[in-house]
Amino acid sequence: MATDAVPLDISRPQDRRDLITTLREQVAQRHLSGAGGIEICNWFSDQLDDLLRRMVRLHLQHAGVSDSKGFSVICVGGNGRRRPAPYSDIDLLLVVEPSAVAALKPVFTAFVRDCWDTGFQLGHSIRTPDDVVSFANEDVSFATSLVDMRPILGSQKVFAALSSLVKDKVFQNPVDGFVDACVVSRRDEWMARGDSVNQLEPDIKRSPGGLRDLHLINWVTFAQFGDSHPSSLLEHNEIGIQELATLNMADEFLTSLRLDLHCRAGLKQDVLTRDLQLEIAASRGETQADHRKTVEKFMQEYFRQTSRVAEIARRVTETA
């Protein structure tokens, strides 16, 4: 197993780019060694958190600003769930109290520039707490990114106040409105991709039964019960024990598969193309003559997993 790479200096863009390259290589090595997909994503997330903290602190120190006053650096979306794949976008919310905007906006603007120089595909916004609530109530995609938000630096007081504000003003204002907006948005994605699990080259994130359906279940669960994990659905008799096991199994299967696609392609890749299907079949050690049968067997397993997810997602959300 590869050891963690902790460079002494990350002040130069090239040092940071080299670190990211090393971390991606270690993700691939861990995947090849048989480690679980969710476990690997959690590890990779921790490494990114550490790098991002150090980058922010460099700018705070340069500006003479305390790293616990008036702001919170928050991971949202896939980053908040601790599920980044090697080439995923990095989603950050930089929340600043109104009284600290003048001092901190230049600091965070410079930090964001450093992130781009590092090679991150960055999704970010610099907002006051009231701005967060206002935009979340206008944009359901932004609202869903807040379900699993997670602070990595700054004031715990600022984060706690924001969490309370978002819970009261977004997810309970009213619950049915948020849930309906999530379902409508997801239904548009289903229809855009043929509304069928059985696709020749499925997008494992956005096609029916893919990771986005697992996310949809999490969002609806959070809005209803205050906890995004589908075990809350079991506790409230919305799903059975076997269905929970099915969701957990599919989560690991799809997360591991997404890692595989990113590592093989060397870029952000969520579409399971025919070429990648063949590569995955070849990696399973079958002879050339057995490739077609192996691909068919692999895709049958993919369709089995995603069909179950799609069925549960539609039932849970349509009766929410």
C-alpha atoms as a PDB file:
ATOM      1  CA  MET A   1       0.000   0.000   0.000  1.00  0.00           C
ATOM      2  CA  ALA A   2       1.342   3.416  -0.918  1.00  0.00           C
ATOM      3  CA  THR A   3       2.209   5.803   1.866  1.00  0.00           C
ATOM      4  CA  ASP A   4       0.579   9.197   2.152  1.00  0.00           C
ATOM      5  CA  ALA A   5       2.413  12.046   0.442  1.00  0.00           C
ATOM      6  CA  VAL A   6       2.888  15.065   2.702  1.00  0.00           C
ATOM      7  CA  PRO A   7       5.138  17.658   1.039  1.00  0.00           C
ATOM      8  CA  LEU A   8       7.022  20.130   3.195  1.00  0.00           C
ATOM      9  CA  ASP A   9       6.105  23.054   0.963  1.00  0.00           C
ATOM     10  CA  ILE A  10       2.884  23.606  -0.980  1.00  0.00           C
ATOM     11  CA  SER A  11       3.381  27.321  -1.641  1.00  0.00           C
ATOM     12  CA  ARG A  12       4.302  26.822  -5.313  1.00  0.00           C
ATOM     13  CA  PRO A  13       1.673  25.732  -7.880  1.00  0.00           C
ATOM     14  CA  GLN A  14       3.985  23.018  -9.230  1.00  0.00           C
ATOM     15  CA  ASP A  15       4.398  21.530  -5.732  1.00  0.00           C
ATOM     16  CA  ARG A  16       0.637  21.323  -5.394  1.00  0.00           C
ATOM     17  CA  ARG A  17       0.174  19.866  -8.863  1.00  0.00           C
ATOM     18  CA  ASP A  18       2.810  17.227  -8.098  1.00  0.00           C
ATOM     19  CA  LEU A  19       0.999  16.365  -4.876  1.00  0.00           C
ATOM     20  CA  ILE A  20      -2.331  15.924  -6.673  1.00  0.00           C
ATOM     21  CA  THR A  21      -0.652  13.683  -9.243  1.00  0.00           C
ATOM     22  CA  THR A  22       0.821  11.571  -6.450  1.00  0.00           C
ATOM     23  CA  LEU A  23      -2.500  11.329  -4.639  1.00  0.00           C
ATOM     24  CA  ARG A  24      -4.250  10.210  -7.826  1.00  0.00           C
ATOM     25  CA  GLU A  25      -1.598   7.551  -8.342  1.00  0.00           C
ATOM     26  CA  GLN A  26      -2.161   6.341  -4.804  1.00  0.00           C
ATOM     27  CA  VAL A  27      -5.913   6.167  -5.420  1.00  0.00           C
ATOM     28  CA  ALA A  28      -5.241   3.922  -8.427  1.00  0.00           C
ATOM     29  CA  GLN A  29      -2.855   1.742  -6.390  1.00  0.00           C
ATOM     30  CA  ARG A  30      -5.372   1.360  -3.583  1.00  0.00           C
ATOM     31  CA  HIS A  31      -8.061   0.463  -6.094  1.00  0.00           C
ATOM     32  CA  LEU A  32      -5.858  -2.172  -7.737  1.00  0.00           C
ATOM     33  CA  SER A  33      -5.009  -3.625  -4.334  1.00  0.00           C
ATOM     34  CA  GLY A  34      -8.692  -4.329  -3.732  1.00  0.00           C
ATOM     35  CA  ALA A  35      -9.609  -1.592  -1.256  1.00  0.00           C
ATOM     36  CA  GLY A  36     -13.275  -0.569  -1.232  1.00  0.00           C
ATOM     37  CA  GLY A  37     -14.427   2.344  -3.347  1.00  0.00           C
ATOM     38  CA  ILE A  38     -16.056   4.250  -0.484  1.00  0.00           C
ATOM     39  CA  GLU A  39     -12.991   3.701   1.704  1.00  0.00           C
ATOM     40  CA  ILE A  40     -10.707   5.073  -1.019  1.00  0.00           C
ATOM     41  CA  CYS A  41     -12.898   8.120  -1.625  1.00  0.00           C
ATOM     42  CA  ASN A  42     -12.927   8.888   2.098  1.00  0.00           C
ATOM     43  CA  TRP A  43      -9.128   8.653   2.188  1.00  0.00           C
ATOM     44  CA  PHE A  44      -8.747  10.869  -0.876  1.00  0.00           C
ATOM     45  CA  SER A  45     -11.186  13.368   0.626  1.00  0.00           C
ATOM     46  CA  ASP A  46      -9.064  13.582   3.776  1.00  0.00           C
ATOM     47  CA  GLN A  47      -5.950  14.321   1.713  1.00  0.00           C
ATOM     48  CA  LEU A  48      -7.738  17.058  -0.225  1.00  0.00           C
ATOM     49  CA  ASP A  49      -9.069  18.560   3.014  1.00  0.00           C
ATOM     50  CA  ASP A  50      -5.541  18.784   4.376  1.00  0.00           C
ATOM     51  CA  LEU A  51      -4.215  20.449   1.231  1.00  0.00           C
ATOM     52  CA  LEU A  52      -7.089  22.949   1.061  1.00  0.00           C
ATOM     53  CA  ARG A  53      -6.669  23.879   4.740  1.00  0.00           C
ATOM     54  CA  ARG A  54      -2.987  24.530   4.252  1.00  0.00           C
ATOM     55  CA  MET A  55      -3.628  26.636   1.167  1.00  0.00           C
ATOM     56  CA  VAL A  56      -6.204  28.798   2.955  1.00  0.00           C
ATOM     57  CA  ARG A  57      -3.952  29.226   5.984  1.00  0.00           C
ATOM     58  CA  LEU A  58      -1.098  30.459   3.806  1.00  0.00           C
ATOM     59  CA  HIS A  59      -3.296  33.292   2.544  1.00  0.00           C
ATOM     60  CA  LEU A  60      -4.717  34.049   5.983  1.00  0.00           C
ATOM     61  CA  GLN A  61      -1.226  34.261   7.445  1.00  0.00           C
ATOM     62  CA  HIS A  62      -0.079  36.510   4.631  1.00  0.00           C
ATOM     63  CA  ALA A  63      -3.034  38.821   5.321  1.00  0.00           C
ATOM     64  CA  GLY A  64      -2.590  38.631   9.107  1.00  0.00           C
ATOM     65  CA  VAL A  65      -6.077  37.164   9.637  1.00  0.00           C
ATOM     66  CA  SER A  66      -6.975  34.577  12.288  1.00  0.00           C
ATOM     67  CA  ASP A  67      -8.164  31.220  10.926  1.00  0.00           C
ATOM     68  CA  SER A  68     -11.090  31.050  13.368  1.00  0.00           C
ATOM     69  CA  LYS A  69     -12.761  34.449  12.994  1.00  0.00           C
ATOM     70  CA  GLY A  70     -15.758  35.419  10.922  1.00  0.00           C
ATOM     71  CA  PHE A  71     -15.775  32.702   8.264  1.00  0.00           C
ATOM     72  CA  SER A  72     -16.153  29.016   7.501  1.00  0.00           C
ATOM     73  CA  VAL A  73     -14.645  27.030   4.631  1.00  0.00           C
ATOM     74  CA  ILE A  74     -17.204  24.333   3.859  1.00  0.00           C
ATOM     75  CA  CYS A  75     -17.095  21.286   1.584  1.00  0.00           C
ATOM     76  CA  VAL A  76     -20.409  20.712  -0.211  1.00  0.00           C
ATOM     77  CA  GLY A  77     -21.780  18.287  -2.795  1.00  0.00           C
ATOM     78  CA  GLY A  78     -19.624  15.232  -3.449  1.00  0.00           C
ATOM     79  CA  ASN A  79     -16.811  16.834  -1.513  1.00  0.00           C
ATOM     80  CA  GLY A  80     -19.147  17.248   1.446  1.00  0.00           C
ATOM     81  CA  ARG A  81     -20.107  13.568   1.238  1.00  0.00           C
ATOM     82  CA  ARG A  82     -16.380  12.674   1.270  1.00  0.00           C
ATOM     83  CA  ARG A  83     -16.842  10.981  -2.115  1.00  0.00           C
ATOM     84  CA  PRO A  84     -14.526  12.787  -4.539  1.00  0.00           C
ATOM     85  CA  ALA A  85     -13.235  10.675  -7.397  1.00  0.00           C
ATOM     86  CA  PRO A  86      -9.672  11.419  -8.624  1.00  0.00           C
ATOM     87  CA  TYR A  87     -10.759  13.985 -11.223  1.00  0.00           C
ATOM     88  CA  SER A  88     -13.974  15.241  -9.621  1.00  0.00           C
ATOM     89  CA  ASP A  89     -14.770  18.916  -9.276  1.00  0.00           C
ATOM     90  CA  ILE A  90     -13.933  20.379  -5.872  1.00  0.00           C
ATOM     91  CA  ASP A  91     -17.068  21.986  -4.436  1.00  0.00           C
ATOM     92  CA  LEU A  92     -16.501  24.639  -1.758  1.00  0.00           C
ATOM     93  CA  LEU A  93     -18.698  27.174  -0.012  1.00  0.00           C
ATOM     94  CA  LEU A  94     -16.795  30.098   1.510  1.00  0.00           C
ATOM     95  CA  VAL A  95     -19.119  31.674   4.078  1.00  0.00           C
ATOM     96  CA  VAL A  96     -18.206  35.056   5.527  1.00  0.00           C
ATOM     97  CA  GLU A  97     -20.026  37.124   8.148  1.00  0.00           C
ATOM     98  CA  PRO A  98     -21.121  40.508   6.736  1.00  0.00           C
ATOM     99  CA  SER A  99     -18.752  42.397   9.034  1.00  0.00           C
ATOM    100  CA  ALA A 100     -15.762  40.396   7.719  1.00  0.00           C
ATOM    101  CA  VAL A 101     -16.447  40.551   3.980  1.00  0.00           C
ATOM    102  CA  ALA A 102     -14.135  43.491   3.284  1.00  0.00           C
ATOM    103  CA  ALA A 103     -11.175  41.822   5.018  1.00  0.00           C
ATOM    104  CA  LEU A 104     -11.732  38.257   3.821  1.00  0.00           C
ATOM    105  CA  LYS A 105     -12.967  38.533   0.246  1.00  0.00           C
ATOM    106  CA  PRO A 106      -9.474  39.389  -1.127  1.00  0.00           C
ATOM    107  CA  VAL A 107      -8.029  36.458   0.881  1.00  0.00           C
ATOM    108  CA  PHE A 108     -10.522  33.982  -0.549  1.00  0.00           C
ATOM    109  CA  THR A 109     -10.239  35.407  -4.055  1.00  0.00           C
ATOM    110  CA  ALA A 110      -6.492  34.732  -3.957  1.00  0.00           C
ATOM    111  CA  PHE A 111      -7.127  31.247  -2.537  1.00  0.00           C
ATOM    112  CA  VAL A 112      -9.552  30.462  -5.364  1.00  0.00           C
ATOM    113  CA  ARG A 113      -6.966  31.576  -7.912  1.00  0.00           C
ATOM    114  CA  ASP A 114      -4.444  29.228  -6.297  1.00  0.00           C
ATOM    115  CA  CYS A 115      -6.951  26.370  -6.568  1.00  0.00           C
ATOM    116  CA  TRP A 116      -7.248  26.910 -10.324  1.00  0.00           C
ATOM    117  CA  ASP A 117      -3.460  27.168 -10.616  1.00  0.00           C
ATOM    118  CA  THR A 118      -3.244  23.824  -8.795  1.00  0.00           C
ATOM    119  CA  GLY A 119      -5.400  22.219 -11.461  1.00  0.00           C
ATOM    120  CA  PHE A 120      -8.621  21.838  -9.490  1.00  0.00           C
ATOM    121  CA  GLN A 121     -11.886  22.069 -11.371  1.00  0.00           C
ATOM    122  CA  LEU A 122     -13.395  24.276  -8.705  1.00  0.00           C
ATOM    123  CA  GLY A 123     -17.043  24.869  -7.946  1.00  0.00           C
ATOM    124  CA  HIS A 124     -17.167  27.656  -5.387  1.00  0.00           C
ATOM    125  CA  SER A 125     -18.985  30.686  -4.071  1.00  0.00           C
ATOM    126  CA  ILE A 126     -18.164  33.363  -1.506  1.00  0.00           C
ATOM    127  CA  ARG A 127     -21.352  34.236   0.370  1.00  0.00           C
ATOM    128  CA  THR A 128     -22.773  35.641   3.580  1.00  0.00           C
ATOM    129  CA  PRO A 129     -25.130  33.315   5.513  1.00  0.00           C
ATOM    130  CA  ASP A 130     -28.195  35.210   4.257  1.00  0.00           C
ATOM    131  CA  ASP A 131     -26.902  34.959   0.680  1.00  0.00           C
ATOM    132  CA  VAL A 132     -26.618  31.174   1.084  1.00  0.00           C
ATOM    133  CA  VAL A 133     -30.248  30.864   2.152  1.00  0.00           C
ATOM    134  CA  SER A 134     -31.489  33.210  -0.562  1.00  0.00           C
ATOM    135  CA  PHE A 135     -29.696  31.380  -3.370  1.00  0.00           C
ATOM    136  CA  ALA A 136     -30.612  27.929  -2.016  1.00  0.00           C
ATOM    137  CA  ASN A 137     -34.292  28.851  -2.141  1.00  0.00           C
ATOM    138  CA  GLU A 138     -33.894  29.888  -5.779  1.00  0.00           C
ATOM    139  CA  ASP A 139     -31.696  27.030  -7.022  1.00  0.00           C
ATOM    140  CA  VAL A 140     -32.473  23.433  -6.073  1.00  0.00           C
ATOM    141  CA  SER A 141     -29.068  22.187  -7.258  1.00  0.00           C
ATOM    142  CA  PHE A 142     -27.337  24.549  -4.858  1.00  0.00           C
ATOM    143  CA  ALA A 143     -29.774  23.566  -2.096  1.00  0.00           C
ATOM    144  CA  THR A 144     -29.037  19.857  -2.520  1.00  0.00           C
ATOM    145  CA  SER A 145     -25.303  20.546  -2.313  1.00  0.00           C
ATOM    146  CA  LEU A 146     -25.899  21.797   1.249  1.00  0.00           C
ATOM    147  CA  VAL A 147     -27.394  18.522   2.498  1.00  0.00           C
ATOM    148  CA  ASP A 148     -23.993  17.076   3.393  1.00  0.00           C
ATOM    149  CA  MET A 149     -22.019  20.271   3.957  1.00  0.00           C
ATOM    150  CA  ARG A 150     -18.928  19.791   6.095  1.00  0.00           C
ATOM    151  CA  PRO A 151     -16.580  22.449   7.548  1.00  0.00           C
ATOM    152  CA  ILE A 152     -12.820  22.052   7.199  1.00  0.00           C
ATOM    153  CA  LEU A 153     -11.588  25.398   8.543  1.00  0.00           C
ATOM    154  CA  GLY A 154     -12.839  28.509  10.293  1.00  0.00           C
ATOM    155  CA  SER A 155     -15.293  29.392  13.014  1.00  0.00           C
ATOM    156  CA  GLN A 156     -17.466  26.599  14.388  1.00  0.00           C
ATOM    157  CA  LYS A 157     -19.874  29.309  15.505  1.00  0.00           C
ATOM    158  CA  VAL A 158     -20.304  30.552  11.932  1.00  0.00           C
ATOM    159  CA  PHE A 159     -20.861  27.021  10.631  1.00  0.00           C
ATOM    160  CA  ALA A 160     -23.341  26.123  13.389  1.00  0.00           C
ATOM    161  CA  ALA A 161     -25.328  29.300  12.771  1.00  0.00           C
ATOM    162  CA  LEU A 162     -25.395  28.650   9.025  1.00  0.00           C
ATOM    163  CA  SER A 163     -26.493  25.036   9.528  1.00  0.00           C
ATOM    164  CA  SER A 164     -29.376  26.141  11.714  1.00  0.00           C
ATOM    165  CA  LEU A 165     -30.385  28.854   9.255  1.00  0.00           C
ATOM    166  CA  VAL A 166     -30.316  26.486   6.276  1.00  0.00           C
ATOM    167  CA  LYS A 167     -32.284  23.829   8.128  1.00  0.00           C
ATOM    168  CA  ASP A 168     -35.027  26.277   9.113  1.00  0.00           C
ATOM    169  CA  LYS A 169     -35.183  28.408   5.963  1.00  0.00           C
ATOM    170  CA  VAL A 170     -34.384  25.929   3.178  1.00  0.00           C
ATOM    171  CA  PHE A 171     -35.203  22.347   4.114  1.00  0.00           C
ATOM    172  CA  GLN A 172     -38.266  23.117   6.227  1.00  0.00           C
ATOM    173  CA  ASN A 173     -39.653  25.986   4.173  1.00  0.00           C
ATOM    174  CA  PRO A 174     -41.658  23.894   3.248  1.00  0.00           C
ATOM    175  CA  VAL A 175     -40.323  20.344   3.062  1.00  0.00           C
ATOM    176  CA  ASP A 176     -42.702  19.322   0.262  1.00  0.00           C
ATOM    177  CA  GLY A 177     -41.505  22.165  -1.949  1.00  0.00           C
ATOM    178  CA  PHE A 178     -37.875  21.099  -1.670  1.00  0.00           C
ATOM    179  CA  VAL A 179     -38.689  17.430  -2.242  1.00  0.00           C
ATOM    180  CA  ASP A 180     -40.857  18.176  -5.278  1.00  0.00           C
ATOM    181  CA  ALA A 181     -38.128  20.358  -6.803  1.00  0.00           C
ATOM    182  CA  CYS A 182     -35.540  17.584  -6.313  1.00  0.00           C
ATOM    183  CA  VAL A 183     -37.794  14.996  -7.930  1.00  0.00           C
ATOM    184  CA  VAL A 184     -38.645  17.228 -10.903  1.00  0.00           C
ATOM    185  CA  SER A 185     -34.965  18.002 -11.501  1.00  0.00           C
ATOM    186  CA  ARG A 186     -34.028  14.343 -11.347  1.00  0.00           C
ATOM    187  CA  ARG A 187     -36.940  13.313 -13.581  1.00  0.00           C
ATOM    188  CA  ASP A 188     -35.641  15.715 -16.241  1.00  0.00           C
ATOM    189  CA  GLU A 189     -32.279  13.885 -16.092  1.00  0.00           C
ATOM    190  CA  TRP A 190     -34.018  10.520 -16.423  1.00  0.00           C
ATOM    191  CA  MET A 191     -35.905  11.673 -19.509  1.00  0.00           C
ATOM    192  CA  ALA A 192     -32.798  13.247 -21.052  1.00  0.00           C
ATOM    193  CA  ARG A 193     -31.106   9.844 -20.883  1.00  0.00           C
ATOM    194  CA  GLY A 194     -33.944   7.786 -22.280  1.00  0.00           C
ATOM    195  CA  ASP A 195     -35.640   7.053 -18.943  1.00  0.00           C
ATOM    196  CA  SER A 196     -34.201   3.532 -19.029  1.00  0.00           C
ATOM    197  CA  VAL A 197     -31.563   1.687 -17.019  1.00  0.00           C
ATOM    198  CA  ASN A 198     -30.625  -0.482 -20.002  1.00  0.00           C
ATOM    199  CA  GLN A 199     -28.329   1.773 -22.004  1.00  0.00           C
ATOM    200  CA  LEU A 200     -25.410   0.711 -24.169  1.00  0.00           C
ATOM    201  CA  GLU A 201     -23.098   3.348 -22.656  1.00  0.00           C
ATOM    202  CA  PRO A 202     -24.690   4.534 -19.393  1.00  0.00           C
ATOM    203  CA  ASP A 203     -23.604   7.546 -17.398  1.00  0.00           C
ATOM    204  CA  ILE A 204     -23.025   5.911 -14.011  1.00  0.00           C
ATOM    205  CA  LYS A 205     -23.732   9.180 -12.245  1.00  0.00           C
ATOM    206  CA  ARG A 206     -26.774  10.590 -14.063  1.00  0.00           C
ATOM    207  CA  SER A 207     -28.455   7.712 -15.920  1.00  0.00           C
ATOM    208  CA  PRO A 208     -31.456   6.058 -14.224  1.00  0.00           C
ATOM    209  CA  GLY A 209     -30.338   3.965 -11.263  1.00  0.00           C
ATOM    210  CA  GLY A 210     -26.951   5.670 -11.080  1.00  0.00           C
ATOM    211  CA  LEU A 211     -25.255   7.542  -8.276  1.00  0.00           C
ATOM    212  CA  ARG A 212     -27.563  10.525  -8.680  1.00  0.00           C
ATOM    213  CA  ASP A 213     -30.548   8.356  -7.716  1.00  0.00           C
ATOM    214  CA  LEU A 214     -28.722   7.421  -4.515  1.00  0.00           C
ATOM    215  CA  HIS A 215     -28.139  11.137  -3.937  1.00  0.00           C
ATOM    216  CA  LEU A 216     -31.833  11.833  -4.571  1.00  0.00           C
ATOM    217  CA  ILE A 217     -32.780   9.320  -1.908  1.00  0.00           C
ATOM    218  CA  ASN A 218     -30.349  11.021   0.488  1.00  0.00           C
ATOM    219  CA  TRP A 219     -31.788  14.483  -0.219  1.00  0.00           C
ATOM    220  CA  VAL A 220     -35.393  13.394   0.289  1.00  0.00           C
ATOM    221  CA  THR A 221     -34.457  11.476   3.432  1.00  0.00           C
ATOM    222  CA  PHE A 222     -32.691  14.524   4.861  1.00  0.00           C
ATOM    223  CA  ALA A 223     -35.613  16.820   4.137  1.00  0.00           C
ATOM    224  CA  GLN A 224     -38.051  14.452   5.794  1.00  0.00           C
ATOM    225  CA  PHE A 225     -36.069  13.139   8.740  1.00  0.00           C
ATOM    226  CA  GLY A 226     -33.045  15.421   9.222  1.00  0.00           C
ATOM    227  CA  ASP A 227     -30.504  12.701   8.363  1.00  0.00           C
ATOM    228  CA  SER A 228     -29.391  11.936   4.828  1.00  0.00           C
ATOM    229  CA  HIS A 229     -28.441   8.288   5.395  1.00  0.00           C
ATOM    230  CA  PRO A 230     -31.078   5.893   3.983  1.00  0.00           C
ATOM    231  CA  SER A 231     -31.083   3.997   7.292  1.00  0.00           C
ATOM    232  CA  SER A 232     -33.465   6.748   8.414  1.00  0.00           C
ATOM    233  CA  LEU A 233     -35.930   5.444   5.820  1.00  0.00           C
ATOM    234  CA  LEU A 234     -35.725   2.028   7.450  1.00  0.00           C
ATOM    235  CA  GLU A 235     -36.296   3.538  10.892  1.00  0.00           C
ATOM    236  CA  HIS A 236     -39.461   5.201   9.600  1.00  0.00           C
ATOM    237  CA  ASN A 237     -40.665   2.084   7.743  1.00  0.00           C
ATOM    238  CA  GLU A 238     -40.241   3.646   4.299  1.00  0.00           C
ATOM    239  CA  ILE A 239     -38.001   0.816   3.086  1.00  0.00           C
ATOM    240  CA  GLY A 240     -37.206  -2.713   4.275  1.00  0.00           C
ATOM    241  CA  ILE A 241     -33.969  -4.221   5.550  1.00  0.00           C
ATOM    242  CA  GLN A 242     -33.236  -5.889   2.210  1.00  0.00           C
ATOM    243  CA  GLU A 243     -33.803  -2.627   0.339  1.00  0.00           C
ATOM    244  CA  LEU A 244     -31.350  -0.838   2.636  1.00  0.00           C
ATOM    245  CA  ALA A 245     -28.806  -3.582   1.960  1.00  0.00           C
ATOM    246  CA  THR A 246     -29.458  -3.165  -1.772  1.00  0.00           C
ATOM    247  CA  LEU A 247     -28.800   0.581  -1.595  1.00  0.00           C
ATOM    248  CA  ASN A 248     -25.597   0.109   0.398  1.00  0.00           C
ATOM    249  CA  MET A 249     -24.341  -2.551  -2.017  1.00  0.00           C
ATOM    250  CA  ALA A 250     -25.104  -0.386  -5.047  1.00  0.00           C
ATOM    251  CA  ASP A 251     -23.395   2.592  -3.415  1.00  0.00           C
ATOM    252  CA  GLU A 252     -20.162   0.626  -3.049  1.00  0.00           C
ATOM    253  CA  PHE A 253     -20.465  -0.911  -6.532  1.00  0.00           C
ATOM    254  CA  LEU A 254     -21.047   2.406  -8.319  1.00  0.00           C
ATOM    255  CA  THR A 255     -18.504   4.333  -6.244  1.00  0.00           C
ATOM    256  CA  SER A 256     -15.827   1.745  -6.987  1.00  0.00           C
ATOM    257  CA  LEU A 257     -16.777   1.711 -10.666  1.00  0.00           C
ATOM    258  CA  ARG A 258     -16.524   5.501 -10.883  1.00  0.00           C
ATOM    259  CA  LEU A 259     -13.034   5.347  -9.391  1.00  0.00           C
ATOM    260  CA  ASP A 260     -12.130   2.749 -11.987  1.00  0.00           C
ATOM    261  CA  LEU A 261     -13.383   4.941 -14.845  1.00  0.00           C
ATOM    262  CA  HIS A 262     -11.498   8.012 -13.624  1.00  0.00           C
ATOM    263  CA  CYS A 263      -8.268   6.070 -13.095  1.00  0.00           C
ATOM    264  CA  ARG A 264      -8.421   4.369 -16.494  1.00  0.00           C
ATOM    265  CA  ALA A 265      -9.326   7.539 -18.404  1.00  0.00           C
ATOM    266  CA  GLY A 266      -6.982   9.860 -16.500  1.00  0.00           C
ATOM    267  CA  LEU A 267      -9.712  12.497 -16.427  1.00  0.00           C
ATOM    268  CA  LYS A 268     -13.259  13.117 -15.222  1.00  0.00           C
ATOM    269  CA  GLN A 269     -15.112  10.199 -16.804  1.00  0.00           C
ATOM    270  CA  ASP A 270     -18.583   9.070 -15.744  1.00  0.00           C
ATOM    271  CA  VAL A 271     -19.762   7.425 -18.984  1.00  0.00           C
ATOM    272  CA  LEU A 272     -19.222   3.692 -19.170  1.00  0.00           C
ATOM    273  CA  THR A 273     -18.152   3.590 -22.806  1.00  0.00           C
ATOM    274  CA  ARG A 274     -17.816   0.407 -24.812  1.00  0.00           C
ATOM    275  CA  ASP A 275     -14.023   0.733 -24.768  1.00  0.00           C
ATOM    276  CA  LEU A 276     -14.008   1.025 -20.975  1.00  0.00           C
ATOM    277  CA  GLN A 277     -16.335  -1.953 -20.704  1.00  0.00           C
ATOM    278  CA  LEU A 278     -13.797  -3.965 -22.709  1.00  0.00           C
ATOM    279  CA  GLU A 279     -10.920  -2.738 -20.532  1.00  0.00           C
ATOM    280  CA  ILE A 280     -12.740  -3.717 -17.358  1.00  0.00           C
ATOM    281  CA  ALA A 281     -13.483  -7.132 -18.839  1.00  0.00           C
ATOM    282  CA  ALA A 282      -9.812  -7.565 -19.751  1.00  0.00           C
ATOM    283  CA  SER A 283      -8.744  -6.575 -16.238  1.00  0.00           C
ATOM    284  CA  ARG A 284     -10.703  -9.515 -14.866  1.00  0.00           C
ATOM    285  CA  GLY A 285      -8.161 -11.915 -16.326  1.00  0.00           C
ATOM    286  CA  GLU A 286     -10.322 -13.589 -18.934  1.00  0.00           C
ATOM    287  CA  THR A 287      -8.884 -14.820 -22.232  1.00  0.00           C
ATOM    288  CA  GLN A 288      -9.486 -12.846 -25.413  1.00  0.00           C
ATOM    289  CA  ALA A 289     -12.084 -15.376 -26.570  1.00  0.00           C
ATOM    290  CA  ASP A 290     -14.121 -14.777 -23.431  1.00  0.00           C
ATOM    291  CA  HIS A 291     -14.151 -10.972 -23.626  1.00  0.00           C
ATOM    292  CA  ARG A 292     -17.613 -10.650 -25.101  1.00  0.00           C
ATOM    293  CA  LYS A 293     -19.145 -12.972 -22.543  1.00  0.00           C
ATOM    294  CA  THR A 294     -17.304 -11.195 -19.719  1.00  0.00           C
ATOM    295  CA  VAL A 295     -18.524  -7.797 -20.892  1.00  0.00           C
ATOM    296  CA  GLU A 296     -22.081  -9.115 -21.039  1.00  0.00           C
ATOM    297  CA  LYS A 297     -21.763 -10.572 -17.549  1.00  0.00           C
ATOM    298  CA  PHE A 298     -20.362  -7.304 -16.172  1.00  0.00           C
ATOM    299  CA  MET A 299     -23.090  -5.197 -17.785  1.00  0.00           C
ATOM    300  CA  GLN A 300     -25.775  -7.581 -16.540  1.00  0.00           C
ATOM    301  CA  GLU A 301     -24.471  -6.981 -13.033  1.00  0.00           C
ATOM    302  CA  TYR A 302     -24.480  -3.228 -13.646  1.00  0.00           C
ATOM    303  CA  PHE A 303     -28.090  -3.335 -14.876  1.00  0.00           C
ATOM    304  CA  ARG A 304     -29.114  -5.538 -11.937  1.00  0.00           C
ATOM    305  CA  GLN A 305     -27.680  -3.065  -9.420  1.00  0.00           C
ATOM    306  CA  THR A 306     -29.013   0.076 -11.085  1.00  0.00           C
ATOM    307  CA  SER A 307     -32.468  -1.363 -11.783  1.00  0.00           C
ATOM    308  CA  ARG A 308     -32.937  -1.936  -8.068  1.00  0.00           C
ATOM    309  CA  VAL A 309     -31.736   1.553  -7.194  1.00  0.00           C
ATOM    310  CA  ALA A 310     -34.039   3.147  -9.784  1.00  0.00           C
ATOM    311  CA  GLU A 311     -37.024   1.192  -8.502  1.00  0.00           C
ATOM    312  CA  ILE A 312     -36.417   2.177  -4.870  1.00  0.00           C
ATOM    313  CA  ALA A 313     -35.672   5.812  -5.739  1.00  0.00           C
ATOM    314  CA  ARG A 314     -38.866   6.255  -7.707  1.00  0.00           C
ATOM    315  CA  ARG A 315     -41.039   4.576  -5.105  1.00  0.00           C
ATOM    316  CA  VAL A 316     -39.562   6.495  -2.181  1.00  0.00           C
ATOM    317  CA  THR A 317     -39.668   9.879  -3.903  1.00  0.00           C
ATOM    318  CA  GLU A 318     -43.063   9.498  -5.551  1.00  0.00           C
ATOM    319  CA  THR A 319     -44.699   8.674  -2.222  1.00  0.00           C
ATOM    320  CA  ALA A 320     -42.751  11.318  -0.253  1.00  0.00           C
END
